[in-house]
N, C-alpha and C. Protein backbone atom coordinates (compact mmCIF):
# COMPACT_ATOMS: atom_id res chain seq x y z
N MET A 1 153.32 118.08 98.54
CA MET A 1 153.36 117.34 97.29
C MET A 1 152.71 115.98 97.51
N GLU A 2 151.91 115.56 96.59
CA GLU A 2 151.18 114.30 96.73
C GLU A 2 152.10 113.09 96.78
N VAL A 3 153.20 113.13 96.03
CA VAL A 3 154.13 111.99 96.03
C VAL A 3 154.62 111.75 97.45
N HIS A 4 154.98 112.81 98.15
CA HIS A 4 155.48 112.70 99.52
C HIS A 4 154.41 112.08 100.43
N TYR A 5 153.18 112.51 100.28
CA TYR A 5 152.08 111.97 101.08
C TYR A 5 151.92 110.47 100.86
N TYR A 6 151.91 110.05 99.60
CA TYR A 6 151.71 108.63 99.29
C TYR A 6 152.89 107.76 99.68
N ILE A 7 154.09 108.29 99.61
CA ILE A 7 155.26 107.53 100.06
C ILE A 7 155.14 107.27 101.56
N GLY A 8 154.81 108.30 102.31
CA GLY A 8 154.61 108.13 103.75
C GLY A 8 153.53 107.13 104.07
N LYS A 9 152.47 107.15 103.28
CA LYS A 9 151.35 106.24 103.50
C LYS A 9 151.74 104.80 103.14
N LEU A 10 152.46 104.62 102.03
CA LEU A 10 152.86 103.28 101.59
C LEU A 10 153.81 102.59 102.56
N ILE A 11 154.76 103.34 103.09
CA ILE A 11 155.72 102.72 104.00
C ILE A 11 155.28 102.83 105.45
N ASP A 12 154.08 103.35 105.66
CA ASP A 12 153.49 103.46 107.00
C ASP A 12 154.41 104.24 107.94
N ASN A 13 154.89 105.37 107.44
CA ASN A 13 155.76 106.23 108.23
C ASN A 13 155.38 107.67 107.95
N LYS A 14 154.64 108.27 108.84
CA LYS A 14 154.20 109.64 108.64
C LYS A 14 155.31 110.66 108.87
N GLU A 15 156.43 110.21 109.44
CA GLU A 15 157.56 111.09 109.71
C GLU A 15 158.61 111.03 108.61
N VAL A 16 158.30 110.42 107.49
CA VAL A 16 159.26 110.33 106.38
C VAL A 16 159.58 111.74 105.87
N ILE A 17 160.85 111.97 105.57
CA ILE A 17 161.26 113.27 105.03
C ILE A 17 161.79 113.07 103.62
N HIS A 18 161.90 114.18 102.89
CA HIS A 18 162.28 114.10 101.48
C HIS A 18 163.63 113.44 101.26
N SER A 19 164.54 113.58 102.20
CA SER A 19 165.86 112.96 102.02
C SER A 19 165.85 111.45 102.26
N ASP A 20 164.70 110.90 102.67
CA ASP A 20 164.59 109.46 102.89
C ASP A 20 164.33 108.68 101.60
N TYR A 21 164.06 109.37 100.53
CA TYR A 21 163.74 108.68 99.27
C TYR A 21 164.19 109.50 98.07
N LEU A 22 164.33 108.81 96.93
CA LEU A 22 164.64 109.46 95.66
C LEU A 22 163.46 109.26 94.72
N VAL A 23 163.17 110.26 93.92
CA VAL A 23 162.09 110.16 92.95
C VAL A 23 162.70 110.28 91.56
N THR A 24 162.32 109.36 90.66
CA THR A 24 162.73 109.44 89.26
C THR A 24 161.49 109.42 88.39
N PHE A 25 161.64 109.93 87.18
CA PHE A 25 160.52 109.89 86.25
C PHE A 25 161.04 109.62 84.85
N LYS A 26 160.16 109.09 84.02
CA LYS A 26 160.48 108.87 82.61
C LYS A 26 159.17 108.59 81.87
N PRO A 27 159.17 108.80 80.57
CA PRO A 27 157.99 108.38 79.79
C PRO A 27 157.79 106.88 79.96
N GLU A 28 156.56 106.45 79.99
CA GLU A 28 156.22 105.07 80.34
C GLU A 28 156.97 104.02 79.54
N LYS A 29 157.09 104.17 78.25
CA LYS A 29 157.71 103.14 77.41
C LYS A 29 159.14 103.47 77.02
N ALA A 30 159.74 104.46 77.67
CA ALA A 30 161.11 104.85 77.34
C ALA A 30 162.09 103.89 77.99
N ALA A 31 163.23 103.70 77.34
CA ALA A 31 164.30 102.86 77.88
C ALA A 31 165.13 103.69 78.84
N GLY A 32 165.82 103.03 79.74
CA GLY A 32 166.69 103.73 80.67
C GLY A 32 166.07 103.87 82.03
N VAL A 33 166.83 104.50 82.92
CA VAL A 33 166.39 104.61 84.31
C VAL A 33 165.57 105.85 84.59
N GLY A 34 165.62 106.82 83.73
CA GLY A 34 164.86 108.05 83.95
C GLY A 34 165.72 109.14 84.56
N VAL A 35 165.06 110.21 85.00
CA VAL A 35 165.74 111.38 85.55
C VAL A 35 165.41 111.50 87.03
N TRP A 36 166.43 111.64 87.87
CA TRP A 36 166.21 111.83 89.29
C TRP A 36 165.74 113.25 89.56
N LEU A 37 164.80 113.38 90.45
CA LEU A 37 164.33 114.70 90.87
C LEU A 37 165.05 115.06 92.16
N VAL A 38 166.13 115.83 92.01
CA VAL A 38 166.96 116.15 93.16
C VAL A 38 166.87 117.64 93.52
N ASP A 39 166.95 118.49 92.52
CA ASP A 39 166.95 119.93 92.81
C ASP A 39 165.87 120.64 91.99
N VAL A 40 165.85 121.95 92.08
CA VAL A 40 164.81 122.75 91.43
C VAL A 40 164.87 122.60 89.91
N GLN A 41 166.06 122.51 89.34
CA GLN A 41 166.19 122.36 87.89
C GLN A 41 165.56 121.05 87.43
N ASP A 42 165.75 120.00 88.20
CA ASP A 42 165.16 118.71 87.86
C ASP A 42 163.64 118.78 87.87
N TYR A 43 163.09 119.48 88.85
CA TYR A 43 161.63 119.61 88.93
C TYR A 43 161.08 120.44 87.78
N LYS A 44 161.84 121.47 87.37
CA LYS A 44 161.41 122.27 86.22
C LYS A 44 161.39 121.40 84.96
N LYS A 45 162.44 120.60 84.77
CA LYS A 45 162.48 119.71 83.62
C LYS A 45 161.34 118.71 83.68
N PHE A 46 161.07 118.18 84.87
CA PHE A 46 159.97 117.25 85.05
C PHE A 46 158.65 117.89 84.61
N LEU A 47 158.40 119.11 85.04
CA LEU A 47 157.14 119.78 84.68
C LEU A 47 157.03 120.00 83.18
N LEU A 48 158.13 120.39 82.53
CA LEU A 48 158.11 120.58 81.08
C LEU A 48 157.83 119.27 80.36
N ASP A 49 158.54 118.22 80.76
CA ASP A 49 158.33 116.91 80.14
C ASP A 49 156.92 116.39 80.40
N TYR A 50 156.43 116.64 81.60
CA TYR A 50 155.08 116.18 81.95
C TYR A 50 154.04 116.86 81.07
N LYS A 51 154.20 118.15 80.84
CA LYS A 51 153.25 118.89 79.98
C LYS A 51 153.29 118.35 78.56
N LYS A 52 154.51 118.07 78.07
CA LYS A 52 154.64 117.53 76.71
C LYS A 52 153.97 116.16 76.60
N LEU A 53 154.21 115.31 77.58
CA LEU A 53 153.60 113.97 77.56
C LEU A 53 152.09 114.05 77.71
N LEU A 54 151.62 114.98 78.50
CA LEU A 54 150.19 115.15 78.69
C LEU A 54 149.52 115.59 77.39
N GLU A 55 150.17 116.52 76.68
CA GLU A 55 149.64 116.98 75.39
C GLU A 55 149.65 115.85 74.36
N ALA A 56 150.66 115.00 74.41
CA ALA A 56 150.76 113.89 73.47
C ALA A 56 149.94 112.67 73.93
N LYS A 57 149.26 112.82 75.04
CA LYS A 57 148.43 111.75 75.63
C LYS A 57 149.24 110.48 75.90
N LYS A 58 150.43 110.69 76.43
CA LYS A 58 151.29 109.56 76.82
C LYS A 58 151.40 109.52 78.34
N ASN A 59 151.70 108.34 78.85
CA ASN A 59 151.82 108.16 80.29
C ASN A 59 153.25 108.39 80.77
N MET A 60 153.37 108.73 82.04
CA MET A 60 154.67 108.93 82.65
C MET A 60 154.79 107.98 83.83
N THR A 61 155.98 107.43 84.00
CA THR A 61 156.26 106.55 85.14
C THR A 61 157.01 107.36 86.18
N ILE A 62 156.55 107.30 87.42
CA ILE A 62 157.22 107.96 88.54
C ILE A 62 157.62 106.86 89.51
N ILE A 63 158.91 106.81 89.83
CA ILE A 63 159.45 105.76 90.69
C ILE A 63 160.04 106.38 91.94
N ALA A 64 159.65 105.87 93.10
CA ALA A 64 160.21 106.33 94.37
C ALA A 64 161.06 105.21 94.95
N SER A 65 162.32 105.52 95.24
CA SER A 65 163.25 104.55 95.84
C SER A 65 163.51 104.98 97.27
N ILE A 66 163.16 104.13 98.21
CA ILE A 66 163.32 104.45 99.62
C ILE A 66 164.74 104.13 100.05
N LYS A 67 165.38 105.09 100.71
CA LYS A 67 166.73 104.88 101.23
C LYS A 67 166.61 104.21 102.59
N LYS A 68 167.58 103.37 102.90
CA LYS A 68 167.61 102.76 104.23
C LYS A 68 168.08 103.81 105.23
N ARG A 69 167.47 103.81 106.35
CA ARG A 69 167.84 104.77 107.38
C ARG A 69 169.00 104.24 108.21
N GLU A 70 169.91 105.12 108.55
CA GLU A 70 171.06 104.75 109.37
C GLU A 70 170.62 104.31 110.76
N LYS A 71 169.54 104.91 111.28
CA LYS A 71 169.07 104.54 112.60
C LYS A 71 168.66 103.07 112.63
N GLN A 72 168.03 102.60 111.57
CA GLN A 72 167.62 101.21 111.51
C GLN A 72 168.84 100.30 111.48
N LYS A 73 169.84 100.68 110.71
CA LYS A 73 171.07 99.88 110.65
C LYS A 73 171.73 99.83 112.02
N GLN A 74 171.78 100.97 112.71
CA GLN A 74 172.40 101.03 114.02
C GLN A 74 171.61 100.20 115.03
N LYS A 75 170.29 100.21 114.91
CA LYS A 75 169.45 99.42 115.81
C LYS A 75 169.74 97.93 115.64
N VAL A 76 169.88 97.49 114.41
CA VAL A 76 170.19 96.08 114.14
C VAL A 76 171.57 95.73 114.69
N LYS A 77 172.55 96.62 114.49
CA LYS A 77 173.89 96.36 115.03
C LYS A 77 173.85 96.26 116.55
N ASN A 78 173.08 97.15 117.18
CA ASN A 78 172.97 97.11 118.64
C ASN A 78 172.33 95.80 119.11
N GLN A 79 171.33 95.34 118.39
CA GLN A 79 170.68 94.08 118.75
C GLN A 79 171.64 92.91 118.61
N ILE A 80 172.44 92.91 117.55
CA ILE A 80 173.43 91.85 117.33
C ILE A 80 174.47 91.87 118.45
N ASN A 81 174.95 93.07 118.79
CA ASN A 81 175.93 93.17 119.88
C ASN A 81 175.35 92.71 121.20
N PHE A 82 174.09 93.04 121.45
CA PHE A 82 173.42 92.60 122.68
C PHE A 82 173.38 91.07 122.74
N ILE A 83 173.01 90.44 121.64
CA ILE A 83 172.93 88.98 121.59
C ILE A 83 174.32 88.37 121.80
N LYS A 84 175.35 88.94 121.18
CA LYS A 84 176.71 88.43 121.38
C LYS A 84 177.12 88.55 122.84
N ASN A 85 176.81 89.69 123.45
CA ASN A 85 177.16 89.88 124.85
C ASN A 85 176.39 88.92 125.75
N LEU A 86 175.14 88.67 125.41
CA LEU A 86 174.32 87.73 126.17
C LEU A 86 174.91 86.32 126.08
N LYS A 87 175.33 85.93 124.88
CA LYS A 87 175.95 84.61 124.71
C LYS A 87 177.24 84.50 125.52
N LEU A 88 178.03 85.56 125.52
CA LEU A 88 179.29 85.57 126.27
C LEU A 88 179.00 85.44 127.77
N LEU A 89 178.03 86.19 128.27
CA LEU A 89 177.67 86.11 129.68
C LEU A 89 177.16 84.71 130.04
N PHE A 90 176.38 84.12 129.17
CA PHE A 90 175.87 82.78 129.40
C PHE A 90 177.02 81.77 129.45
N THR A 91 177.97 81.90 128.55
CA THR A 91 179.14 81.01 128.51
C THR A 91 179.95 81.15 129.80
N ILE A 92 180.17 82.38 130.23
CA ILE A 92 180.92 82.62 131.48
C ILE A 92 180.17 82.02 132.66
N TYR A 93 178.87 82.16 132.68
CA TYR A 93 178.05 81.61 133.76
C TYR A 93 178.15 80.08 133.79
N ILE A 94 178.07 79.45 132.64
CA ILE A 94 178.20 77.99 132.55
C ILE A 94 179.58 77.56 133.03
N LEU A 95 180.62 78.25 132.62
CA LEU A 95 181.97 77.92 133.06
C LEU A 95 182.11 78.07 134.57
N TYR A 96 181.50 79.10 135.10
CA TYR A 96 181.53 79.33 136.54
C TYR A 96 180.87 78.18 137.28
N ILE A 97 179.72 77.73 136.79
CA ILE A 97 179.00 76.61 137.41
C ILE A 97 179.83 75.34 137.33
N LEU A 98 180.41 75.06 136.18
CA LEU A 98 181.25 73.87 136.02
C LEU A 98 182.46 73.92 136.95
N PHE A 99 183.09 75.06 137.02
CA PHE A 99 184.24 75.25 137.90
C PHE A 99 183.84 75.00 139.35
N TYR A 100 182.71 75.54 139.75
CA TYR A 100 182.23 75.40 141.14
C TYR A 100 181.98 73.93 141.49
N PHE A 101 181.34 73.17 140.58
CA PHE A 101 181.02 71.77 140.86
C PHE A 101 182.26 70.86 140.84
N PHE A 102 183.22 71.20 140.02
CA PHE A 102 184.39 70.33 139.93
C PHE A 102 185.42 70.61 141.04
N PHE A 103 185.49 71.80 141.51
CA PHE A 103 186.54 72.15 142.46
C PHE A 103 186.05 72.39 143.89
N PHE A 104 184.75 72.33 144.10
CA PHE A 104 184.26 72.53 145.48
C PHE A 104 183.41 71.41 145.92
């Protein structure tokens, strides 16, 4: 599907999978958020609506919403924990040096 190709290209991730994003559609000037394309029934409705809009010479808006990946969240948490541990080790090291100079 072309939408999948362009999403991968836009976010510079060729390994993007369909569950990484949501696709919605609606007539260009319609109010509301549109219809999510989640299952086969949604795609069938999309095709019917698309044909109707095409015949009426109206435009359709297609919106892709990228989901945040859990791996990225976990990577950030790991980096934060690493920094906290580094600060703790540095503090212990400083205390050790101070203790050594004052008592020896």
